[in-house]
Amino acid sequence: MKSLVFVAALAAAPAFAADRCPDVPKDKAMTAEQVQARLQSQGYDVRRVKREGGCYEVKARKDGKKVEILVSPADAAVVAEKRS
């Protein structure tokens, strides 16, 4: 049941990401490489970084678990995180 809720949340991710991430012009936003480096310094093994709506959507692993993260393009702050 939890996985169904998670799938529904991910499907709505672009919609709720816009509410959680600041509207940052592309030339002022951190690059995908900068976001990846910041998360790696926090212990994430980053597999993919993709700009989705207002946030970066990141697929990674941490502590042996898969993690999906929404990250602010302004400062690479984690906005939402789901571990599986």
PDB file of N, CA and C in Angstrom:
ATOM      1  N   MET A   1       0.822  -1.190   0.000  1.00  0.00           N
ATOM      2  CA  MET A   1       0.000   0.000   0.000  1.00  0.00           C
ATOM      3  C   MET A   1       0.868   1.256   0.000  1.00  0.00           C
ATOM      4  N   LYS A   2       1.957   1.251   0.766  1.00  0.00           N
ATOM      5  CA  LYS A   2       2.840   2.409   0.808  1.00  0.00           C
ATOM      6  C   LYS A   2       3.398   2.720  -0.569  1.00  0.00           C
ATOM      7  N   SER A   3       3.711   1.669  -1.347  1.00  0.00           N
ATOM      8  CA  SER A   3       4.291   1.911  -2.663  1.00  0.00           C
ATOM      9  C   SER A   3       3.283   2.601  -3.584  1.00  0.00           C
ATOM     10  N   LEU A   4       1.995   2.299  -3.439  1.00  0.00           N
ATOM     11  CA  LEU A   4       0.984   2.969  -4.252  1.00  0.00           C
ATOM     12  C   LEU A   4       0.906   4.443  -3.915  1.00  0.00           C
ATOM     13  N   VAL A   5       1.005   4.767  -2.646  1.00  0.00           N
ATOM     14  CA  VAL A   5       0.978   6.163  -2.227  1.00  0.00           C
ATOM     15  C   VAL A   5       2.205   6.881  -2.772  1.00  0.00           C
ATOM     16  N   PHE A   6       3.353   6.218  -2.716  1.00  0.00           N
ATOM     17  CA  PHE A   6       4.587   6.806  -3.214  1.00  0.00           C
ATOM     18  C   PHE A   6       4.509   7.049  -4.713  1.00  0.00           C
ATOM     19  N   VAL A   7       3.971   6.092  -5.455  1.00  0.00           N
ATOM     20  CA  VAL A   7       3.839   6.244  -6.906  1.00  0.00           C
ATOM     21  C   VAL A   7       2.928   7.429  -7.206  1.00  0.00           C
ATOM     22  N   ALA A   8       1.855   7.558  -6.485  1.00  0.00           N
ATOM     23  CA  ALA A   8       0.945   8.685  -6.692  1.00  0.00           C
ATOM     24  C   ALA A   8       1.639  10.004  -6.371  1.00  0.00           C
ATOM     25  N   ALA A   9       2.441  10.010  -5.324  1.00  0.00           N
ATOM     26  CA  ALA A   9       3.172  11.230  -4.954  1.00  0.00           C
ATOM     27  C   ALA A   9       4.184  11.604  -6.023  1.00  0.00           C
ATOM     28  N   LEU A  10       4.878  10.611  -6.574  1.00  0.00           N
ATOM     29  CA  LEU A  10       5.854  10.907  -7.617  1.00  0.00           C
ATOM     30  C   LEU A  10       5.182  11.411  -8.888  1.00  0.00           C
ATOM     31  N   ALA A  11       4.017  10.866  -9.199  1.00  0.00           N
ATOM     32  CA  ALA A  11       3.294  11.320 -10.380  1.00  0.00           C
ATOM     33  C   ALA A  11       2.907  12.792 -10.232  1.00  0.00           C
ATOM     34  N   ALA A  12       2.658  13.197  -9.014  1.00  0.00           N
ATOM     35  CA  ALA A  12       2.289  14.583  -8.753  1.00  0.00           C
ATOM     36  C   ALA A  12       3.506  15.450  -8.442  1.00  0.00           C
ATOM     37  N   ALA A  13       4.697  14.898  -8.474  1.00  0.00           N
ATOM     38  CA  ALA A  13       5.911  15.618  -8.085  1.00  0.00           C
ATOM     39  C   ALA A  13       6.073  16.956  -8.791  1.00  0.00           C
ATOM     40  N   PRO A  14       5.928  17.024 -10.116  1.00  0.00           N
ATOM     41  CA  PRO A  14       6.087  18.337 -10.743  1.00  0.00           C
ATOM     42  C   PRO A  14       5.088  19.363 -10.216  1.00  0.00           C
ATOM     43  N   ALA A  15       3.890  18.940  -9.893  1.00  0.00           N
ATOM     44  CA  ALA A  15       2.879  19.859  -9.387  1.00  0.00           C
ATOM     45  C   ALA A  15       3.250  20.375  -8.006  1.00  0.00           C
ATOM     46  N   PHE A  16       3.639  19.493  -7.083  1.00  0.00           N
ATOM     47  CA  PHE A  16       3.956  19.973  -5.755  1.00  0.00           C
ATOM     48  C   PHE A  16       5.366  20.531  -5.679  1.00  0.00           C
ATOM     49  N   ALA A  17       6.234  20.186  -6.609  1.00  0.00           N
ATOM     50  CA  ALA A  17       7.591  20.733  -6.623  1.00  0.00           C
ATOM     51  C   ALA A  17       7.541  22.236  -6.877  1.00  0.00           C
ATOM     52  N   ALA A  18       6.635  22.661  -7.718  1.00  0.00           N
ATOM     53  CA  ALA A  18       6.523  24.081  -8.017  1.00  0.00           C
ATOM     54  C   ALA A  18       6.162  24.871  -6.762  1.00  0.00           C
ATOM     55  N   ASP A  19       5.400  24.258  -5.848  1.00  0.00           N
ATOM     56  CA  ASP A  19       5.023  24.919  -4.616  1.00  0.00           C
ATOM     57  C   ASP A  19       6.171  24.943  -3.611  1.00  0.00           C
ATOM     58  N   ARG A  20       7.085  24.010  -3.714  1.00  0.00           N
ATOM     59  CA  ARG A  20       8.140  23.867  -2.722  1.00  0.00           C
ATOM     60  C   ARG A  20       9.467  24.482  -3.133  1.00  0.00           C
ATOM     61  N   CYS A  21       9.713  24.617  -4.405  1.00  0.00           N
ATOM     62  CA  CYS A  21      10.981  25.148  -4.883  1.00  0.00           C
ATOM     63  C   CYS A  21      10.791  26.580  -5.371  1.00  0.00           C
ATOM     64  N   PRO A  22      11.768  27.422  -5.065  1.00  0.00           N
ATOM     65  CA  PRO A  22      11.647  28.812  -5.520  1.00  0.00           C
ATOM     66  C   PRO A  22      11.769  28.904  -7.035  1.00  0.00           C
ATOM     67  N   ASP A  23      11.153  29.906  -7.588  1.00  0.00           N
ATOM     68  CA  ASP A  23      11.265  30.143  -9.023  1.00  0.00           C
ATOM     69  C   ASP A  23      12.604  30.833  -9.266  1.00  0.00           C
ATOM     70  N   VAL A  24      13.581  30.065  -9.753  1.00  0.00           N
ATOM     71  CA  VAL A  24      14.936  30.563  -9.961  1.00  0.00           C
ATOM     72  C   VAL A  24      15.222  30.589 -11.454  1.00  0.00           C
ATOM     73  N   PRO A  25      15.630  31.743 -11.987  1.00  0.00           N
ATOM     74  CA  PRO A  25      15.987  31.777 -13.410  1.00  0.00           C
ATOM     75  C   PRO A  25      17.117  30.790 -13.690  1.00  0.00           C
ATOM     76  N   LYS A  26      17.088  30.208 -14.875  1.00  0.00           N
ATOM     77  CA  LYS A  26      18.063  29.163 -15.216  1.00  0.00           C
ATOM     78  C   LYS A  26      19.502  29.651 -15.055  1.00  0.00           C
ATOM     79  N   ASP A  27      19.762  30.915 -15.384  1.00  0.00           N
ATOM     80  CA  ASP A  27      21.130  31.421 -15.269  1.00  0.00           C
ATOM     81  C   ASP A  27      21.563  31.662 -13.824  1.00  0.00           C
ATOM     82  N   LYS A  28      20.628  31.652 -12.884  1.00  0.00           N
ATOM     83  CA  LYS A  28      20.940  31.829 -11.460  1.00  0.00           C
ATOM     84  C   LYS A  28      20.894  30.505 -10.694  1.00  0.00           C
ATOM     85  N   ALA A  29      20.340  29.484 -11.304  1.00  0.00           N
ATOM     86  CA  ALA A  29      20.177  28.188 -10.633  1.00  0.00           C
ATOM     87  C   ALA A  29      21.493  27.419 -10.609  1.00  0.00           C
ATOM     88  N   MET A  30      21.628  26.557  -9.620  1.00  0.00           N
ATOM     89  CA  MET A  30      22.772  25.657  -9.575  1.00  0.00           C
ATOM     90  C   MET A  30      22.659  24.683 -10.742  1.00  0.00           C
ATOM     91  N   THR A  31      23.783  24.244 -11.257  1.00  0.00           N
ATOM     92  CA  THR A  31      23.777  23.265 -12.337  1.00  0.00           C
ATOM     93  C   THR A  31      23.537  21.873 -11.757  1.00  0.00           C
ATOM     94  N   ALA A  32      23.197  20.943 -12.623  1.00  0.00           N
ATOM     95  CA  ALA A  32      23.015  19.557 -12.189  1.00  0.00           C
ATOM     96  C   ALA A  32      24.308  19.024 -11.564  1.00  0.00           C
ATOM     97  N   GLU A  33      25.444  19.417 -12.119  1.00  0.00           N
ATOM     98  CA  GLU A  33      26.734  18.970 -11.590  1.00  0.00           C
ATOM     99  C   GLU A  33      26.983  19.520 -10.196  1.00  0.00           C
ATOM    100  N   GLN A  34      26.593  20.772  -9.950  1.00  0.00           N
ATOM    101  CA  GLN A  34      26.751  21.361  -8.623  1.00  0.00           C
ATOM    102  C   GLN A  34      25.838  20.679  -7.611  1.00  0.00           C
ATOM    103  N   VAL A  35      24.604  20.388  -8.028  1.00  0.00           N
ATOM    104  CA  VAL A  35      23.664  19.682  -7.151  1.00  0.00           C
ATOM    105  C   VAL A  35      24.220  18.302  -6.816  1.00  0.00           C
ATOM    106  N   GLN A  36      24.724  17.603  -7.830  1.00  0.00           N
ATOM    107  CA  GLN A  36      25.287  16.270  -7.613  1.00  0.00           C
ATOM    108  C   GLN A  36      26.458  16.338  -6.631  1.00  0.00           C
ATOM    109  N   ALA A  37      27.360  17.288  -6.818  1.00  0.00           N
ATOM    110  CA  ALA A  37      28.514  17.416  -5.926  1.00  0.00           C
ATOM    111  C   ALA A  37      28.074  17.714  -4.493  1.00  0.00           C
ATOM    112  N   ARG A  38      27.085  18.575  -4.332  1.00  0.00           N
ATOM    113  CA  ARG A  38      26.596  18.929  -2.989  1.00  0.00           C
ATOM    114  C   ARG A  38      26.006  17.698  -2.302  1.00  0.00           C
ATOM    115  N   LEU A  39      25.179  16.932  -3.037  1.00  0.00           N
ATOM    116  CA  LEU A  39      24.571  15.740  -2.442  1.00  0.00           C
ATOM    117  C   LEU A  39      25.610  14.666  -2.146  1.00  0.00           C
ATOM    118  N   GLN A  40      26.598  14.515  -3.025  1.00  0.00           N
ATOM    119  CA  GLN A  40      27.656  13.533  -2.773  1.00  0.00           C
ATOM    120  C   GLN A  40      28.433  13.900  -1.517  1.00  0.00           C
ATOM    121  N   SER A  41      28.631  15.183  -1.271  1.00  0.00           N
ATOM    122  CA  SER A  41      29.333  15.604  -0.058  1.00  0.00           C
ATOM    123  C   SER A  41      28.508  15.308   1.197  1.00  0.00           C
ATOM    124  N   GLN A  42      27.205  15.070   1.015  1.00  0.00           N
ATOM    125  CA  GLN A  42      26.314  14.724   2.128  1.00  0.00           C
ATOM    126  C   GLN A  42      26.118  13.207   2.246  1.00  0.00           C
ATOM    127  N   GLY A  43      26.874  12.434   1.451  1.00  0.00           N
ATOM    128  CA  GLY A  43      26.829  10.983   1.577  1.00  0.00           C
ATOM    129  C   GLY A  43      25.916  10.254   0.614  1.00  0.00           C
ATOM    130  N   TYR A  44      25.341  10.962  -0.347  1.00  0.00           N
ATOM    131  CA  TYR A  44      24.490  10.314  -1.346  1.00  0.00           C
ATOM    132  C   TYR A  44      25.346   9.785  -2.493  1.00  0.00           C
ATOM    133  N   ASP A  45      24.991   8.607  -3.006  1.00  0.00           N
ATOM    134  CA  ASP A  45      25.591   8.067  -4.223  1.00  0.00           C
ATOM    135  C   ASP A  45      24.610   8.403  -5.346  1.00  0.00           C
ATOM    136  N   VAL A  46      24.839   9.521  -6.007  1.00  0.00           N
ATOM    137  CA  VAL A  46      23.899  10.071  -6.985  1.00  0.00           C
ATOM    138  C   VAL A  46      23.969   9.283  -8.286  1.00  0.00           C
ATOM    139  N   ARG A  47      22.798   8.848  -8.751  1.00  0.00           N
ATOM    140  CA  ARG A  47      22.691   8.089  -9.997  1.00  0.00           C
ATOM    141  C   ARG A  47      22.179   8.941 -11.152  1.00  0.00           C
ATOM    142  N   ARG A  48      21.259   9.897 -10.845  1.00  0.00           N
ATOM    143  CA  ARG A  48      20.667  10.717 -11.905  1.00  0.00           C
ATOM    144  C   ARG A  48      20.175  12.037 -11.315  1.00  0.00           C
ATOM    145  N   VAL A  49      20.397  13.120 -12.055  1.00  0.00           N
ATOM    146  CA  VAL A  49      19.896  14.436 -11.674  1.00  0.00           C
ATOM    147  C   VAL A  49      19.174  14.999 -12.890  1.00  0.00           C
ATOM    148  N   LYS A  50      17.920  15.411 -12.688  1.00  0.00           N
ATOM    149  CA  LYS A  50      17.120  15.912 -13.804  1.00  0.00           C
ATOM    150  C   LYS A  50      16.278  17.085 -13.303  1.00  0.00           C
ATOM    151  N   ARG A  51      16.263  18.176 -14.047  1.00  0.00           N
ATOM    152  CA  ARG A  51      15.422  19.317 -13.668  1.00  0.00           C
ATOM    153  C   ARG A  51      13.997  18.984 -14.058  1.00  0.00           C
ATOM    154  N   GLU A  52      13.107  19.011 -13.096  1.00  0.00           N
ATOM    155  CA  GLU A  52      11.712  18.628 -13.299  1.00  0.00           C
ATOM    156  C   GLU A  52      10.852  19.708 -12.664  1.00  0.00           C
ATOM    157  N   GLY A  53      10.197  20.497 -13.473  1.00  0.00           N
ATOM    158  CA  GLY A  53       9.409  21.600 -12.933  1.00  0.00           C
ATOM    159  C   GLY A  53      10.347  22.611 -12.299  1.00  0.00           C
ATOM    160  N   GLY A  54      10.077  23.003 -11.079  1.00  0.00           N
ATOM    161  CA  GLY A  54      10.917  23.972 -10.388  1.00  0.00           C
ATOM    162  C   GLY A  54      12.063  23.355  -9.626  1.00  0.00           C
ATOM    163  N   CYS A  55      12.047  22.044  -9.431  1.00  0.00           N
ATOM    164  CA  CYS A  55      13.066  21.358  -8.629  1.00  0.00           C
ATOM    165  C   CYS A  55      13.945  20.463  -9.498  1.00  0.00           C
ATOM    166  N   TYR A  56      15.054  20.057  -8.908  1.00  0.00           N
ATOM    167  CA  TYR A  56      15.820  18.959  -9.479  1.00  0.00           C
ATOM    168  C   TYR A  56      15.273  17.674  -8.876  1.00  0.00           C
ATOM    169  N   GLU A  57      15.063  16.675  -9.701  1.00  0.00           N
ATOM    170  CA  GLU A  57      14.661  15.349  -9.238  1.00  0.00           C
ATOM    171  C   GLU A  57      15.919  14.484  -9.275  1.00  0.00           C
ATOM    172  N   VAL A  58      16.260  13.911  -8.144  1.00  0.00           N
ATOM    173  CA  VAL A  58      17.503  13.156  -8.025  1.00  0.00           C
ATOM    174  C   VAL A  58      17.193  11.729  -7.605  1.00  0.00           C
ATOM    175  N   LYS A  59      17.805  10.792  -8.285  1.00  0.00           N
ATOM    176  CA  LYS A  59      17.748   9.380  -7.884  1.00  0.00           C
ATOM    177  C   LYS A  59      19.126   9.044  -7.356  1.00  0.00           C
ATOM    178  N   ALA A  60      19.158   8.458  -6.169  1.00  0.00           N
ATOM    179  CA  ALA A  60      20.434   8.191  -5.515  1.00  0.00           C
ATOM    180  C   ALA A  60      20.287   6.995  -4.578  1.00  0.00           C
ATOM    181  N   ARG A  61      21.386   6.677  -3.911  1.00  0.00           N
ATOM    182  CA  ARG A  61      21.395   5.660  -2.861  1.00  0.00           C
ATOM    183  C   ARG A  61      22.080   6.277  -1.651  1.00  0.00           C
ATOM    184  N   LYS A  62      21.588   5.921  -0.476  1.00  0.00           N
ATOM    185  CA  LYS A  62      22.215   6.360   0.766  1.00  0.00           C
ATOM    186  C   LYS A  62      21.966   5.298   1.809  1.00  0.00           C
ATOM    187  N   ASP A  63      23.017   4.917   2.498  1.00  0.00           N
ATOM    188  CA  ASP A  63      22.927   3.884   3.534  1.00  0.00           C
ATOM    189  C   ASP A  63      22.332   2.590   2.981  1.00  0.00           C
ATOM    190  N   GLY A  64      22.658   2.265   1.721  1.00  0.00           N
ATOM    191  CA  GLY A  64      22.199   1.037   1.101  1.00  0.00           C
ATOM    192  C   GLY A  64      20.761   1.055   0.617  1.00  0.00           C
ATOM    193  N   LYS A  65      20.094   2.184   0.711  1.00  0.00           N
ATOM    194  CA  LYS A  65      18.691   2.302   0.296  1.00  0.00           C
ATOM    195  C   LYS A  65      18.572   3.219  -0.909  1.00  0.00           C
ATOM    196  N   LYS A  66      17.590   2.909  -1.784  1.00  0.00           N
ATOM    197  CA  LYS A  66      17.279   3.804  -2.896  1.00  0.00           C
ATOM    198  C   LYS A  66      16.581   5.043  -2.329  1.00  0.00           C
ATOM    199  N   VAL A  67      16.922   6.191  -2.902  1.00  0.00           N
ATOM    200  CA  VAL A  67      16.358   7.449  -2.446  1.00  0.00           C
ATOM    201  C   VAL A  67      15.953   8.275  -3.662  1.00  0.00           C
ATOM    202  N   GLU A  68      14.785   8.871  -3.592  1.00  0.00           N
ATOM    203  CA  GLU A  68      14.358   9.839  -4.594  1.00  0.00           C
ATOM    204  C   GLU A  68      14.191  11.161  -3.866  1.00  0.00           C
ATOM    205  N   ILE A  69      14.816  12.199  -4.409  1.00  0.00           N
ATOM    206  CA  ILE A  69      14.904  13.474  -3.713  1.00  0.00           C
ATOM    207  C   ILE A  69      14.458  14.595  -4.639  1.00  0.00           C
ATOM    208  N   LEU A  70      13.755  15.565  -4.085  1.00  0.00           N
ATOM    209  CA  LEU A  70      13.487  16.820  -4.776  1.00  0.00           C
ATOM    210  C   LEU A  70      14.403  17.854  -4.141  1.00  0.00           C
ATOM    211  N   VAL A  71      15.131  18.584  -4.999  1.00  0.00           N
ATOM    212  CA  VAL A  71      16.159  19.507  -4.535  1.00  0.00           C
ATOM    213  C   VAL A  71      15.903  20.893  -5.115  1.00  0.00           C
ATOM    214  N   SER A  72      16.047  21.909  -4.279  1.00  0.00           N
ATOM    215  CA  SER A  72      15.893  23.289  -4.720  1.00  0.00           C
ATOM    216  C   SER A  72      17.049  23.678  -5.629  1.00  0.00           C
ATOM    217  N   PRO A  73      16.759  24.300  -6.776  1.00  0.00           N
ATOM    218  CA  PRO A  73      17.832  24.734  -7.665  1.00  0.00           C
ATOM    219  C   PRO A  73      18.575  25.962  -7.134  1.00  0.00           C
ATOM    220  N   ALA A  74      18.014  26.639  -6.146  1.00  0.00           N
ATOM    221  CA  ALA A  74      18.641  27.842  -5.611  1.00  0.00           C
ATOM    222  C   ALA A  74      19.866  27.525  -4.763  1.00  0.00           C
ATOM    223  N   ASP A  75      19.760  26.466  -3.926  1.00  0.00           N
ATOM    224  CA  ASP A  75      20.832  26.191  -2.968  1.00  0.00           C
ATOM    225  C   ASP A  75      21.077  24.701  -2.720  1.00  0.00           C
ATOM    226  N   ALA A  76      20.447  23.849  -3.513  1.00  0.00           N
ATOM    227  CA  ALA A  76      20.559  22.385  -3.399  1.00  0.00           C
ATOM    228  C   ALA A  76      20.019  21.858  -2.079  1.00  0.00           C
ATOM    229  N   ALA A  77      19.112  22.600  -1.469  1.00  0.00           N
ATOM    230  CA  ALA A  77      18.462  22.119  -0.245  1.00  0.00           C
ATOM    231  C   ALA A  77      17.478  21.002  -0.610  1.00  0.00           C
ATOM    232  N   VAL A  78      17.449  19.959   0.210  1.00  0.00           N
ATOM    233  CA  VAL A  78      16.513  18.852  -0.003  1.00  0.00           C
ATOM    234  C   VAL A  78      15.125  19.328   0.403  1.00  0.00           C
ATOM    235  N   VAL A  79      14.194  19.268  -0.546  1.00  0.00           N
ATOM    236  CA  VAL A  79      12.824  19.714  -0.332  1.00  0.00           C
ATOM    237  C   VAL A  79      11.952  18.531   0.111  1.00  0.00           C
ATOM    238  N   ALA A  80      12.179  17.382  -0.501  1.00  0.00           N
ATOM    239  CA  ALA A  80      11.427  16.174  -0.155  1.00  0.00           C
ATOM    240  C   ALA A  80      12.326  14.967  -0.441  1.00  0.00           C
ATOM    241  N   GLU A  81      12.158  13.931   0.355  1.00  0.00           N
ATOM    242  CA  GLU A  81      12.967  12.727   0.192  1.00  0.00           C
ATOM    243  C   GLU A  81      12.122  11.494   0.493  1.00  0.00           C
ATOM    244  N   LYS A  82      12.276  10.491  -0.354  1.00  0.00           N
ATOM    245  CA  LYS A  82      11.569   9.218  -0.153  1.00  0.00           C
ATOM    246  C   LYS A  82      12.589   8.099  -0.261  1.00  0.00           C
ATOM    247  N   ARG A  83      12.674   7.298   0.786  1.00  0.00           N
ATOM    248  CA  ARG A  83      13.582   6.143   0.788  1.00  0.00           C
ATOM    249  C   ARG A  83      12.787   4.876   0.557  1.00  0.00           C
ATOM    250  N   SER A  84      13.380   3.963  -0.194  1.00  0.00           N
ATOM    251  CA  SER A  84      12.710   2.672  -0.406  1.00  0.00           C
ATOM    252  C   SER A  84      13.662   1.540  -0.156  1.00  0.00           C
TER     253      SER A  84
END
